[in-house]
């Protein structure tokens, strides 16, 4: 089966629990149509580069998918209907990443900022 990376943006005013429910709904839809979701990552609420339907921020979610094209097409059709989904993008890839995505690695690096070391001498 083909492999895909799928990212979707949800409105900022929905809760994180509702985003999880959306992710589960789409995962179940893929499973019913003969596919499976290898990995999901919730990246949190991030600022958008430009307004989309009067939203300045959105919930970002990544899904690594192993499913037939018809299942992915049906999931995208359902996303177009859903008002909580602002945008989505599906890319076919040769292989799925098993490690955390770059966005999740960035988040881990930010938590280690406490050990920057001593500051240099202050200028007057």
C-alpha atoms as a PDB file:
ATOM      1  CA  UNK A   1       0.000   0.000   0.000  1.00  0.00           C
ATOM      2  CA  UNK A   2       1.143   3.578  -0.564  1.00  0.00           C
ATOM      3  CA  UNK A   3       2.532   5.576   2.358  1.00  0.00           C
ATOM      4  CA  UNK A   4       1.445   9.133   3.155  1.00  0.00           C
ATOM      5  CA  UNK A   5       2.215  11.975   5.529  1.00  0.00           C
ATOM      6  CA  UNK A   6      -0.924  13.951   6.290  1.00  0.00           C
ATOM      7  CA  UNK A   7      -1.123  17.233   8.214  1.00  0.00           C
ATOM      8  CA  UNK A   8      -4.336  19.004   9.097  1.00  0.00           C
ATOM      9  CA  UNK A   9      -5.076  22.305  10.813  1.00  0.00           C
ATOM     10  CA  UNK A  10      -8.068  22.678  13.127  1.00  0.00           C
ATOM     11  CA  UNK A  11      -9.701  25.902  14.298  1.00  0.00           C
ATOM     12  CA  UNK A  12      -8.109  27.532  17.343  1.00  0.00           C
ATOM     13  CA  UNK A  13     -11.356  27.674  19.336  1.00  0.00           C
ATOM     14  CA  UNK A  14     -11.826  23.879  19.466  1.00  0.00           C
ATOM     15  CA  UNK A  15     -10.297  22.116  22.465  1.00  0.00           C
ATOM     16  CA  UNK A  16      -7.353  19.723  22.337  1.00  0.00           C
ATOM     17  CA  UNK A  17      -9.767  16.914  23.253  1.00  0.00           C
ATOM     18  CA  UNK A  18     -11.919  17.710  20.214  1.00  0.00           C
ATOM     19  CA  UNK A  19      -8.802  17.620  18.014  1.00  0.00           C
ATOM     20  CA  UNK A  20      -7.976  14.172  19.458  1.00  0.00           C
ATOM     21  CA  UNK A  21     -11.533  13.068  18.658  1.00  0.00           C
ATOM     22  CA  UNK A  22     -11.152  14.318  15.072  1.00  0.00           C
ATOM     23  CA  UNK A  23      -7.888  12.415  14.747  1.00  0.00           C
ATOM     24  CA  UNK A  24      -9.499   9.242  16.090  1.00  0.00           C
ATOM     25  CA  UNK A  25     -12.468   9.653  13.738  1.00  0.00           C
ATOM     26  CA  UNK A  26     -10.205   9.913  10.703  1.00  0.00           C
ATOM     27  CA  UNK A  27      -8.017   7.029  11.917  1.00  0.00           C
ATOM     28  CA  UNK A  28     -11.116   4.835  12.275  1.00  0.00           C
ATOM     29  CA  UNK A  29     -12.283   5.875   8.805  1.00  0.00           C
ATOM     30  CA  UNK A  30      -8.950   4.784   7.327  1.00  0.00           C
ATOM     31  CA  UNK A  31      -9.081   1.478   9.235  1.00  0.00           C
ATOM     32  CA  UNK A  32     -12.576   0.758   7.905  1.00  0.00           C
ATOM     33  CA  UNK A  33     -11.323   1.286   4.356  1.00  0.00           C
ATOM     34  CA  UNK A  34      -8.339  -1.065   4.659  1.00  0.00           C
ATOM     35  CA  UNK A  35      -5.615   1.292   5.880  1.00  0.00           C
ATOM     36  CA  UNK A  36      -3.866   2.061   9.117  1.00  0.00           C
ATOM     37  CA  UNK A  37      -2.296   5.036  10.861  1.00  0.00           C
ATOM     38  CA  UNK A  38       1.303   4.300  11.815  1.00  0.00           C
ATOM     39  CA  UNK A  39       1.872   7.416  13.952  1.00  0.00           C
ATOM     40  CA  UNK A  40       0.056  10.564  15.035  1.00  0.00           C
ATOM     41  CA  UNK A  41       1.602  13.678  16.542  1.00  0.00           C
ATOM     42  CA  UNK A  42      -0.211  16.646  18.013  1.00  0.00           C
ATOM     43  CA  UNK A  43       1.994  19.709  17.535  1.00  0.00           C
ATOM     44  CA  UNK A  44      -0.176  22.105  19.522  1.00  0.00           C
ATOM     45  CA  UNK A  45      -1.586  25.536  18.724  1.00  0.00           C
ATOM     46  CA  UNK A  46       0.649  27.582  16.434  1.00  0.00           C
ATOM     47  CA  UNK A  47       0.330  30.946  14.721  1.00  0.00           C
ATOM     48  CA  UNK A  48      -0.617  30.935  11.064  1.00  0.00           C
ATOM     49  CA  UNK A  49       1.320  32.926   8.475  1.00  0.00           C
ATOM     50  CA  UNK A  50      -1.924  34.518   7.313  1.00  0.00           C
ATOM     51  CA  UNK A  51      -5.549  34.468   8.392  1.00  0.00           C
ATOM     52  CA  UNK A  52      -7.643  31.500   7.311  1.00  0.00           C
ATOM     53  CA  UNK A  53     -11.401  31.979   7.786  1.00  0.00           C
ATOM     54  CA  UNK A  54     -10.731  34.718  10.377  1.00  0.00           C
ATOM     55  CA  UNK A  55      -8.412  32.433  12.404  1.00  0.00           C
ATOM     56  CA  UNK A  56      -4.918  33.594  13.347  1.00  0.00           C
ATOM     57  CA  UNK A  57      -3.911  30.326  15.078  1.00  0.00           C
ATOM     58  CA  UNK A  58      -4.638  26.640  14.552  1.00  0.00           C
ATOM     59  CA  UNK A  59      -4.128  23.194  16.093  1.00  0.00           C
ATOM     60  CA  UNK A  60      -1.583  21.229  14.011  1.00  0.00           C
ATOM     61  CA  UNK A  61      -1.744  17.417  13.759  1.00  0.00           C
ATOM     62  CA  UNK A  62       0.479  15.020  11.767  1.00  0.00           C
ATOM     63  CA  UNK A  63      -0.598  11.516  10.742  1.00  0.00           C
ATOM     64  CA  UNK A  64       1.629   8.897   9.071  1.00  0.00           C
ATOM     65  CA  UNK A  65      -0.699   6.759   6.969  1.00  0.00           C
ATOM     66  CA  UNK A  66      -0.377   3.374   5.274  1.00  0.00           C
ATOM     67  CA  UNK A  67      -3.582   3.115   3.246  1.00  0.00           C
ATOM     68  CA  UNK A  68      -4.973   2.699  -0.259  1.00  0.00           C
ATOM     69  CA  UNK A  69      -5.571   5.878  -2.262  1.00  0.00           C
ATOM     70  CA  UNK A  70      -9.365   5.464  -2.078  1.00  0.00           C
ATOM     71  CA  UNK A  71      -9.270   5.515   1.738  1.00  0.00           C
ATOM     72  CA  UNK A  72      -7.165   8.688   1.769  1.00  0.00           C
ATOM     73  CA  UNK A  73      -9.503  10.309  -0.778  1.00  0.00           C
ATOM     74  CA  UNK A  74     -12.507   9.514   1.442  1.00  0.00           C
ATOM     75  CA  UNK A  75     -10.751  10.966   4.502  1.00  0.00           C
ATOM     76  CA  UNK A  76      -9.964  14.155   2.564  1.00  0.00           C
ATOM     77  CA  UNK A  77     -13.596  14.359   1.427  1.00  0.00           C
ATOM     78  CA  UNK A  78     -14.750  14.130   5.053  1.00  0.00           C
ATOM     79  CA  UNK A  79     -12.250  16.852   6.030  1.00  0.00           C
ATOM     80  CA  UNK A  80     -13.586  19.203   3.337  1.00  0.00           C
ATOM     81  CA  UNK A  81     -17.078  18.829   4.853  1.00  0.00           C
ATOM     82  CA  UNK A  82     -15.957  19.400   8.462  1.00  0.00           C
ATOM     83  CA  UNK A  83     -16.048  23.073   9.501  1.00  0.00           C
ATOM     84  CA  UNK A  84     -13.464  22.545  12.261  1.00  0.00           C
ATOM     85  CA  UNK A  85     -10.747  21.600   9.740  1.00  0.00           C
ATOM     86  CA  UNK A  86      -9.211  24.724   8.184  1.00  0.00           C
ATOM     87  CA  UNK A  87      -6.618  23.135   5.875  1.00  0.00           C
ATOM     88  CA  UNK A  88      -5.037  19.768   5.186  1.00  0.00           C
ATOM     89  CA  UNK A  89      -2.232  18.421   3.045  1.00  0.00           C
ATOM     90  CA  UNK A  90      -1.393  14.844   2.099  1.00  0.00           C
ATOM     91  CA  UNK A  91       1.973  13.915   0.614  1.00  0.00           C
ATOM     92  CA  UNK A  92       2.939  10.499  -0.697  1.00  0.00           C
ATOM     93  CA  UNK A  93       6.314   9.355   0.676  1.00  0.00           C
ATOM     94  CA  UNK A  94       8.629   6.421  -0.022  1.00  0.00           C
ATOM     95  CA  UNK A  95       8.940   5.461   3.653  1.00  0.00           C
ATOM     96  CA  UNK A  96       7.463   6.598   6.952  1.00  0.00           C
ATOM     97  CA  UNK A  97       9.622   8.099   9.678  1.00  0.00           C
ATOM     98  CA  UNK A  98       9.660   6.068  12.866  1.00  0.00           C
ATOM     99  CA  UNK A  99      11.420   8.774  14.882  1.00  0.00           C
ATOM    100  CA  UNK A 100       9.680  11.913  16.140  1.00  0.00           C
ATOM    101  CA  UNK A 101       9.178  14.586  13.498  1.00  0.00           C
ATOM    102  CA  UNK A 102      11.294  17.727  13.313  1.00  0.00           C
ATOM    103  CA  UNK A 103       8.554  19.721  15.055  1.00  0.00           C
ATOM    104  CA  UNK A 104       8.602  17.368  18.042  1.00  0.00           C
ATOM    105  CA  UNK A 105      12.424  17.430  18.182  1.00  0.00           C
ATOM    106  CA  UNK A 106      12.323  21.238  18.299  1.00  0.00           C
ATOM    107  CA  UNK A 107       9.993  21.075  21.282  1.00  0.00           C
ATOM    108  CA  UNK A 108      12.417  18.761  23.120  1.00  0.00           C
ATOM    109  CA  UNK A 109      15.353  21.106  22.453  1.00  0.00           C
ATOM    110  CA  UNK A 110      13.461  24.072  23.874  1.00  0.00           C
ATOM    111  CA  UNK A 111      13.036  22.329  27.222  1.00  0.00           C
ATOM    112  CA  UNK A 112      16.854  22.041  27.574  1.00  0.00           C
ATOM    113  CA  UNK A 113      17.503  25.777  27.467  1.00  0.00           C
ATOM    114  CA  UNK A 114      18.272  26.001  31.176  1.00  0.00           C
ATOM    115  CA  UNK A 115      21.907  24.914  30.787  1.00  0.00           C
ATOM    116  CA  UNK A 116      23.185  27.718  28.593  1.00  0.00           C
ATOM    117  CA  UNK A 117      26.188  28.341  30.810  1.00  0.00           C
ATOM    118  CA  UNK A 118      27.408  31.516  32.469  1.00  0.00           C
ATOM    119  CA  UNK A 119      27.104  34.834  30.739  1.00  0.00           C
ATOM    120  CA  UNK A 120      30.155  36.756  29.602  1.00  0.00           C
ATOM    121  CA  UNK A 121      31.315  39.960  31.280  1.00  0.00           C
ATOM    122  CA  UNK A 122      28.814  42.804  31.179  1.00  0.00           C
ATOM    123  CA  UNK A 123      29.589  45.954  29.273  1.00  0.00           C
ATOM    124  CA  UNK A 124      29.101  49.312  30.935  1.00  0.00           C
END
